C-alpha atoms as a PDB file:
ATOM      1  CA  UNK A   1      -6.753 -55.833-204.283  1.00  0.00           C
ATOM      2  CA  UNK A   2      -4.607 -56.636-201.460  1.00  0.00           C
ATOM      3  CA  UNK A   3      -7.091 -56.613-199.173  1.00  0.00           C
ATOM      4  CA  UNK A   4      -9.168 -59.108-201.469  1.00  0.00           C
ATOM      5  CA  UNK A   5      -5.869 -61.804-201.313  1.00  0.00           C
ATOM      6  CA  UNK A   6      -5.533 -61.150-197.467  1.00  0.00           C
ATOM      7  CA  UNK A   7      -8.972 -61.915-196.744  1.00  0.00           C
ATOM      8  CA  UNK A   8      -8.866 -65.200-198.736  1.00  0.00           C
ATOM      9  CA  UNK A   9      -5.553 -65.847-196.872  1.00  0.00           C
ATOM     10  CA  UNK A  10      -7.060 -65.636-193.563  1.00  0.00           C
ATOM     11  CA  UNK A  11      -9.849 -67.642-194.207  1.00  0.00           C
ATOM     12  CA  UNK A  12      -7.507 -70.767-195.155  1.00  0.00           C
ATOM     13  CA  UNK A  13      -7.511 -73.622-192.934  1.00  0.00           C
ATOM     14  CA  UNK A  14      -3.833 -74.353-193.742  1.00  0.00           C
ATOM     15  CA  UNK A  15      -2.197 -70.883-194.059  1.00  0.00           C
ATOM     16  CA  UNK A  16      -0.609 -70.400-190.387  1.00  0.00           C
ATOM     17  CA  UNK A  17       0.840 -67.159-190.884  1.00  0.00           C
ATOM     18  CA  UNK A  18      -0.064 -64.201-193.153  1.00  0.00           C
ATOM     19  CA  UNK A  19       2.413 -61.838-194.016  1.00  0.00           C
ATOM     20  CA  UNK A  20       2.527 -58.671-196.644  1.00  0.00           C
ATOM     21  CA  UNK A  21       5.541 -57.794-197.847  1.00  0.00           C
ATOM     22  CA  UNK A  22       6.102 -53.960-198.992  1.00  0.00           C
ATOM     23  CA  UNK A  23       8.266 -50.879-198.938  1.00  0.00           C
ATOM     24  CA  UNK A  24       5.184 -48.837-199.199  1.00  0.00           C
ATOM     25  CA  UNK A  25       3.567 -47.301-196.289  1.00  0.00           C
ATOM     26  CA  UNK A  26       0.498 -46.856-197.717  1.00  0.00           C
ATOM     27  CA  UNK A  27       0.191 -50.646-198.912  1.00  0.00           C
ATOM     28  CA  UNK A  28       1.450 -51.713-195.090  1.00  0.00           C
ATOM     29  CA  UNK A  29      -1.283 -49.257-193.690  1.00  0.00           C
ATOM     30  CA  UNK A  30      -4.012 -51.050-195.555  1.00  0.00           C
ATOM     31  CA  UNK A  31      -2.310 -54.745-195.054  1.00  0.00           C
ATOM     32  CA  UNK A  32      -2.915 -53.834-191.168  1.00  0.00           C
ATOM     33  CA  UNK A  33      -6.180 -52.495-191.399  1.00  0.00           C
ATOM     34  CA  UNK A  34      -7.292 -56.062-193.052  1.00  0.00           C
ATOM     35  CA  UNK A  35      -5.855 -58.117-190.470  1.00  0.00           C
ATOM     36  CA  UNK A  36      -2.195 -59.311-192.168  1.00  0.00           C
ATOM     37  CA  UNK A  37       0.885 -58.077-190.206  1.00  0.00           C
ATOM     38  CA  UNK A  38       3.860 -56.345-191.923  1.00  0.00           C
ATOM     39  CA  UNK A  39       6.752 -57.313-189.606  1.00  0.00           C
ATOM     40  CA  UNK A  40       9.172 -55.754-191.808  1.00  0.00           C
ATOM     41  CA  UNK A  41       9.384 -53.115-194.840  1.00  0.00           C
ATOM     42  CA  UNK A  42      10.734 -54.390-197.961  1.00  0.00           C
ATOM     43  CA  UNK A  43      14.289 -52.551-199.103  1.00  0.00           C
ATOM     44  CA  UNK A  44      14.610 -50.191-201.729  1.00  0.00           C
ATOM     45  CA  UNK A  45      16.660 -52.812-203.772  1.00  0.00           C
ATOM     46  CA  UNK A  46      13.630 -55.498-203.811  1.00  0.00           C
ATOM     47  CA  UNK A  47      11.156 -52.780-204.765  1.00  0.00           C
ATOM     48  CA  UNK A  48      12.048 -51.934-208.294  1.00  0.00           C
ATOM     49  CA  UNK A  49      10.604 -53.052-211.610  1.00  0.00           C
ATOM     50  CA  UNK A  50      13.873 -55.424-211.748  1.00  0.00           C
ATOM     51  CA  UNK A  51      13.433 -57.108-208.472  1.00  0.00           C
ATOM     52  CA  UNK A  52      12.177 -60.699-208.750  1.00  0.00           C
ATOM     53  CA  UNK A  53       9.546 -62.180-206.669  1.00  0.00           C
ATOM     54  CA  UNK A  54      12.159 -64.773-205.175  1.00  0.00           C
ATOM     55  CA  UNK A  55      14.233 -62.176-203.838  1.00  0.00           C
ATOM     56  CA  UNK A  56      11.109 -60.523-201.889  1.00  0.00           C
ATOM     57  CA  UNK A  57      10.656 -64.232-200.690  1.00  0.00           C
ATOM     58  CA  UNK A  58      14.097 -64.981-199.594  1.00  0.00           C
ATOM     59  CA  UNK A  59      14.116 -61.939-197.734  1.00  0.00           C
ATOM     60  CA  UNK A  60      10.944 -62.487-195.901  1.00  0.00           C
ATOM     61  CA  UNK A  61      12.052 -66.189-194.951  1.00  0.00           C
ATOM     62  CA  UNK A  62      15.581 -64.768-193.936  1.00  0.00           C
ATOM     63  CA  UNK A  63      13.469 -62.399-191.393  1.00  0.00           C
ATOM     64  CA  UNK A  64      11.744 -64.854-190.199  1.00  0.00           C
ATOM     65  CA  UNK A  65      14.780 -67.489-190.066  1.00  0.00           C
ATOM     66  CA  UNK A  66      16.816 -65.127-187.967  1.00  0.00           C
ATOM     67  CA  UNK A  67      14.095 -64.907-185.175  1.00  0.00           C
ATOM     68  CA  UNK A  68      14.031 -68.881-185.074  1.00  0.00           C
ATOM     69  CA  UNK A  69      11.142 -69.203-187.046  1.00  0.00           C
ATOM     70  CA  UNK A  70      11.130 -71.879-189.767  1.00  0.00           C
ATOM     71  CA  UNK A  71       8.416 -73.308-192.062  1.00  0.00           C
ATOM     72  CA  UNK A  72       7.865 -76.207-194.290  1.00  0.00           C
ATOM     73  CA  UNK A  73       5.928 -74.867-197.140  1.00  0.00           C
ATOM     74  CA  UNK A  74       5.352 -71.236-198.232  1.00  0.00           C
ATOM     75  CA  UNK A  75       2.490 -69.960-200.719  1.00  0.00           C
ATOM     76  CA  UNK A  76       2.464 -66.833-202.606  1.00  0.00           C
ATOM     77  CA  UNK A  77      -0.525 -64.824-203.347  1.00  0.00           C
ATOM     78  CA  UNK A  78      -0.361 -62.206-205.782  1.00  0.00           C
ATOM     79  CA  UNK A  79      -2.712 -59.370-205.437  1.00  0.00           C
ATOM     80  CA  UNK A  80      -2.712 -58.540-209.162  1.00  0.00           C
ATOM     81  CA  UNK A  81      -4.189 -62.077-209.754  1.00  0.00           C
ATOM     82  CA  UNK A  82      -7.169 -62.155-206.924  1.00  0.00           C
ATOM     83  CA  UNK A  83      -9.882 -64.240-209.171  1.00  0.00           C
ATOM     84  CA  UNK A  84      -9.626 -67.194-206.553  1.00  0.00           C
ATOM     85  CA  UNK A  85     -12.929 -69.125-206.033  1.00  0.00           C
ATOM     86  CA  UNK A  86     -13.873 -70.470-202.553  1.00  0.00           C
ATOM     87  CA  UNK A  87     -11.850 -73.124-201.724  1.00  0.00           C
ATOM     88  CA  UNK A  88      -9.378 -72.793-204.259  1.00  0.00           C
ATOM     89  CA  UNK A  89      -6.228 -71.929-201.474  1.00  0.00           C
ATOM     90  CA  UNK A  90      -7.210 -74.880-199.438  1.00  0.00           C
ATOM     91  CA  UNK A  91      -7.855 -77.511-202.057  1.00  0.00           C
ATOM     92  CA  UNK A  92      -3.945 -76.196-203.940  1.00  0.00           C
ATOM     93  CA  UNK A  93      -2.368 -76.628-200.694  1.00  0.00           C
ATOM     94  CA  UNK A  94      -3.905 -79.956-199.511  1.00  0.00           C
ATOM     95  CA  UNK A  95      -3.372 -81.299-203.257  1.00  0.00           C
ATOM     96  CA  UNK A  96       0.782 -80.222-202.584  1.00  0.00           C
ATOM     97  CA  UNK A  97       1.067 -81.625-199.268  1.00  0.00           C
ATOM     98  CA  UNK A  98      -1.145 -85.097-200.078  1.00  0.00           C
ATOM     99  CA  UNK A  99       1.490 -85.605-202.941  1.00  0.00           C
ATOM    100  CA  UNK A 100       4.861 -84.608-200.793  1.00  0.00           C
ATOM    101  CA  UNK A 101       6.277 -87.951-201.920  1.00  0.00           C
ATOM    102  CA  UNK A 102       6.274 -87.001-205.589  1.00  0.00           C
ATOM    103  CA  UNK A 103       5.855 -83.237-205.851  1.00  0.00           C
ATOM    104  CA  UNK A 104       7.710 -80.259-204.335  1.00  0.00           C
ATOM    105  CA  UNK A 105       5.779 -77.139-205.752  1.00  0.00           C
ATOM    106  CA  UNK A 106       2.286 -76.403-207.419  1.00  0.00           C
ATOM    107  CA  UNK A 107       1.557 -73.628-209.984  1.00  0.00           C
ATOM    108  CA  UNK A 108      -2.169 -72.819-210.844  1.00  0.00           C
ATOM    109  CA  UNK A 109      -2.615 -72.406-214.624  1.00  0.00           C
ATOM    110  CA  UNK A 110      -5.261 -71.699-216.893  1.00  0.00           C
ATOM    111  CA  UNK A 111      -6.090 -73.071-220.228  1.00  0.00           C
ATOM    112  CA  UNK A 112      -5.119 -70.517-222.934  1.00  0.00           C
ATOM    113  CA  UNK A 113      -8.059 -70.111-224.922  1.00  0.00           C
ATOM    114  CA  UNK A 114      -7.579 -67.422-227.658  1.00  0.00           C
ATOM    115  CA  UNK A 115      -4.189 -66.368-227.566  1.00  0.00           C
ATOM    116  CA  UNK A 116      -2.382 -70.139-228.244  1.00  0.00           C
ATOM    117  CA  UNK A 117       1.561 -69.945-228.894  1.00  0.00           C
ATOM    118  CA  UNK A 118       0.724 -72.195-231.381  1.00  0.00           C
ATOM    119  CA  UNK A 119      -1.183 -69.434-233.611  1.00  0.00           C
ATOM    120  CA  UNK A 120       0.704 -66.680-232.331  1.00  0.00           C
ATOM    121  CA  UNK A 121       2.956 -64.863-234.897  1.00  0.00           C
ATOM    122  CA  UNK A 122       6.228 -62.903-234.783  1.00  0.00           C
ATOM    123  CA  UNK A 123       7.520 -60.718-237.237  1.00  0.00           C
ATOM    124  CA  UNK A 124      10.567 -62.010-239.239  1.00  0.00           C
ATOM    125  CA  UNK A 125      12.398 -59.609-241.650  1.00  0.00           C
ATOM    126  CA  UNK A 126       9.440 -56.876-241.767  1.00  0.00           C
ATOM    127  CA  UNK A 127       6.856 -59.980-242.588  1.00  0.00           C
ATOM    128  CA  UNK A 128       4.532 -61.703-240.298  1.00  0.00           C
ATOM    129  CA  UNK A 129       5.810 -65.664-239.396  1.00  0.00           C
ATOM    130  CA  UNK A 130       4.727 -68.296-236.915  1.00  0.00           C
ATOM    131  CA  UNK A 131       5.978 -67.918-233.628  1.00  0.00           C
ATOM    132  CA  UNK A 132       5.920 -71.498-233.397  1.00  0.00           C
ATOM    133  CA  UNK A 133       7.022 -73.767-236.686  1.00  0.00           C
ATOM    134  CA  UNK A 134       4.852 -76.455-237.108  1.00  0.00           C
ATOM    135  CA  UNK A 135       5.089 -79.428-240.019  1.00  0.00           C
ATOM    136  CA  UNK A 136       2.251 -78.738-242.671  1.00  0.00           C
ATOM    137  CA  UNK A 137       0.929 -82.459-241.590  1.00  0.00           C
ATOM    138  CA  UNK A 138       0.555 -80.802-238.321  1.00  0.00           C
ATOM    139  CA  UNK A 139      -1.281 -77.666-239.363  1.00  0.00           C
ATOM    140  CA  UNK A 140      -4.698 -78.116-236.925  1.00  0.00           C
ATOM    141  CA  UNK A 141      -7.855 -75.900-236.449  1.00  0.00           C
ATOM    142  CA  UNK A 142      -7.812 -73.576-233.681  1.00  0.00           C
ATOM    143  CA  UNK A 143     -10.040 -76.307-231.777  1.00  0.00           C
ATOM    144  CA  UNK A 144      -7.607 -79.206-232.428  1.00  0.00           C
ATOM    145  CA  UNK A 145      -4.408 -77.289-231.368  1.00  0.00           C
ATOM    146  CA  UNK A 146      -2.576 -78.425-228.499  1.00  0.00           C
ATOM    147  CA  UNK A 147      -3.595 -77.405-225.134  1.00  0.00           C
ATOM    148  CA  UNK A 148      -1.344 -74.779-223.839  1.00  0.00           C
ATOM    149  CA  UNK A 149      -1.525 -73.222-220.144  1.00  0.00           C
ATOM    150  CA  UNK A 150      -0.752 -69.845-218.710  1.00  0.00           C
ATOM    151  CA  UNK A 151       0.459 -69.650-215.288  1.00  0.00           C
ATOM    152  CA  UNK A 152      -2.013 -67.064-213.466  1.00  0.00           C
ATOM    153  CA  UNK A 153      -1.089 -66.027-209.998  1.00  0.00           C
ATOM    154  CA  UNK A 154      -3.733 -67.315-208.175  1.00  0.00           C
ATOM    155  CA  UNK A 155      -1.577 -69.706-206.407  1.00  0.00           C
ATOM    156  CA  UNK A 156       2.034 -70.674-205.810  1.00  0.00           C
ATOM    157  CA  UNK A 157       3.154 -72.900-203.411  1.00  0.00           C
ATOM    158  CA  UNK A 158       6.241 -74.633-202.462  1.00  0.00           C
ATOM    159  CA  UNK A 159       8.397 -76.397-199.984  1.00  0.00           C
ATOM    160  CA  UNK A 160      10.825 -74.197-198.403  1.00  0.00           C
ATOM    161  CA  UNK A 161      13.944 -76.196-198.738  1.00  0.00           C
ATOM    162  CA  UNK A 162      13.304 -76.644-202.861  1.00  0.00           C
ATOM    163  CA  UNK A 163      12.209 -73.295-203.346  1.00  0.00           C
ATOM    164  CA  UNK A 164      15.484 -72.117-201.724  1.00  0.00           C
ATOM    165  CA  UNK A 165      17.492 -74.460-203.439  1.00  0.00           C
ATOM    166  CA  UNK A 166      16.066 -73.896-207.044  1.00  0.00           C
ATOM    167  CA  UNK A 167      15.141 -70.463-206.659  1.00  0.00           C
ATOM    168  CA  UNK A 168      11.954 -70.670-208.458  1.00  0.00           C
ATOM    169  CA  UNK A 169       8.302 -72.144-208.197  1.00  0.00           C
ATOM    170  CA  UNK A 170       9.080 -74.067-211.626  1.00  0.00           C
ATOM    171  CA  UNK A 171      10.941 -76.801-210.275  1.00  0.00           C
ATOM    172  CA  UNK A 172      11.247 -80.507-211.654  1.00  0.00           C
ATOM    173  CA  UNK A 173       8.269 -82.101-209.925  1.00  0.00           C
ATOM    174  CA  UNK A 174       5.823 -78.946-210.006  1.00  0.00           C
ATOM    175  CA  UNK A 175       2.517 -79.948-210.239  1.00  0.00           C
ATOM    176  CA  UNK A 176      -0.414 -77.880-211.861  1.00  0.00           C
ATOM    177  CA  UNK A 177      -3.314 -76.269-210.072  1.00  0.00           C
ATOM    178  CA  UNK A 178      -6.395 -76.145-213.011  1.00  0.00           C
ATOM    179  CA  UNK A 179      -8.468 -72.771-212.262  1.00  0.00           C
ATOM    180  CA  UNK A 180     -11.516 -71.922-214.276  1.00  0.00           C
ATOM    181  CA  UNK A 181     -11.738 -69.335-217.351  1.00  0.00           C
ATOM    182  CA  UNK A 182     -13.134 -66.509-215.253  1.00  0.00           C
ATOM    183  CA  UNK A 183     -10.056 -66.605-213.396  1.00  0.00           C
ATOM    184  CA  UNK A 184      -7.614 -65.848-216.017  1.00  0.00           C
ATOM    185  CA  UNK A 185      -6.884 -62.546-215.666  1.00  0.00           C
ATOM    186  CA  UNK A 186      -4.039 -60.404-214.338  1.00  0.00           C
ATOM    187  CA  UNK A 187      -3.479 -56.968-213.816  1.00  0.00           C
ATOM    188  CA  UNK A 188      -1.045 -55.812-215.757  1.00  0.00           C
ATOM    189  CA  UNK A 189      -2.542 -52.612-217.156  1.00  0.00           C
ATOM    190  CA  UNK A 190      -5.788 -50.260-216.563  1.00  0.00           C
ATOM    191  CA  UNK A 191      -7.633 -52.724-218.914  1.00  0.00           C
ATOM    192  CA  UNK A 192      -7.145 -55.596-217.288  1.00  0.00           C
ATOM    193  CA  UNK A 193      -8.283 -54.127-214.032  1.00  0.00           C
ATOM    194  CA  UNK A 194     -11.426 -53.514-216.001  1.00  0.00           C
ATOM    195  CA  UNK A 195     -11.974 -57.150-216.895  1.00  0.00           C
ATOM    196  CA  UNK A 196     -11.159 -58.038-213.125  1.00  0.00           C
ATOM    197  CA  UNK A 197     -13.399 -55.490-212.004  1.00  0.00           C
ATOM    198  CA  UNK A 198     -16.119 -56.720-213.960  1.00  0.00           C
ATOM    199  CA  UNK A 199     -15.726 -60.333-213.185  1.00  0.00           C
ATOM    200  CA  UNK A 200     -15.714 -59.523-209.648  1.00  0.00           C
ATOM    201  CA  UNK A 201     -18.437 -57.715-209.434  1.00  0.00           C
ATOM    202  CA  UNK A 202     -20.653 -60.525-211.233  1.00  0.00           C
ATOM    203  CA  UNK A 203     -19.238 -63.119-208.924  1.00  0.00           C
ATOM    204  CA  UNK A 204     -19.887 -61.261-206.076  1.00  0.00           C
ATOM    205  CA  UNK A 205     -23.243 -60.579-207.122  1.00  0.00           C
ATOM    206  CA  UNK A 206     -24.233 -64.394-207.587  1.00  0.00           C
ATOM    207  CA  UNK A 207     -23.189 -65.155-204.164  1.00  0.00           C
END
């Protein structure tokens, strides 16, 4: 998975530096094998389940800033969301840079098809109840529900200054980058891995 993201980043026309942040010697070796430098090892406190992506990013930016290297934009590629179409990265980066006067960040989003929050349920007092309460006159068939989107990790991009200030990619002026249905997966468990593996095999077969 990490090799796939590295290869896509290295193929971009707009990404000047590709860096992998990890605490794992095994992952570091794999990253170097596929052309991405690992100039530092991630501290243990940033390698736990409770560690945030922003903490990891700030650590990386701090490393380069201490060496006199400053950047205008930062792009985060999550290896657990490898389903990127050819040209996705450059299209997304160009969209953000071209709209720099009215946008500070960009997040890839996919339309939720089946598990819409408008039809999702919760359990209240032992009974099934709507997660989002809607007035009766606004009850729709699934096809008529308002569109909802999930931020799949195909690409996150932001101006460095606003990222350091807001500590999130979800800022007041965050643009969407719409991805296709086949990209609406990210790996959280083995079943997600099976799905993504099948999609990748099918996409590679169609090259």
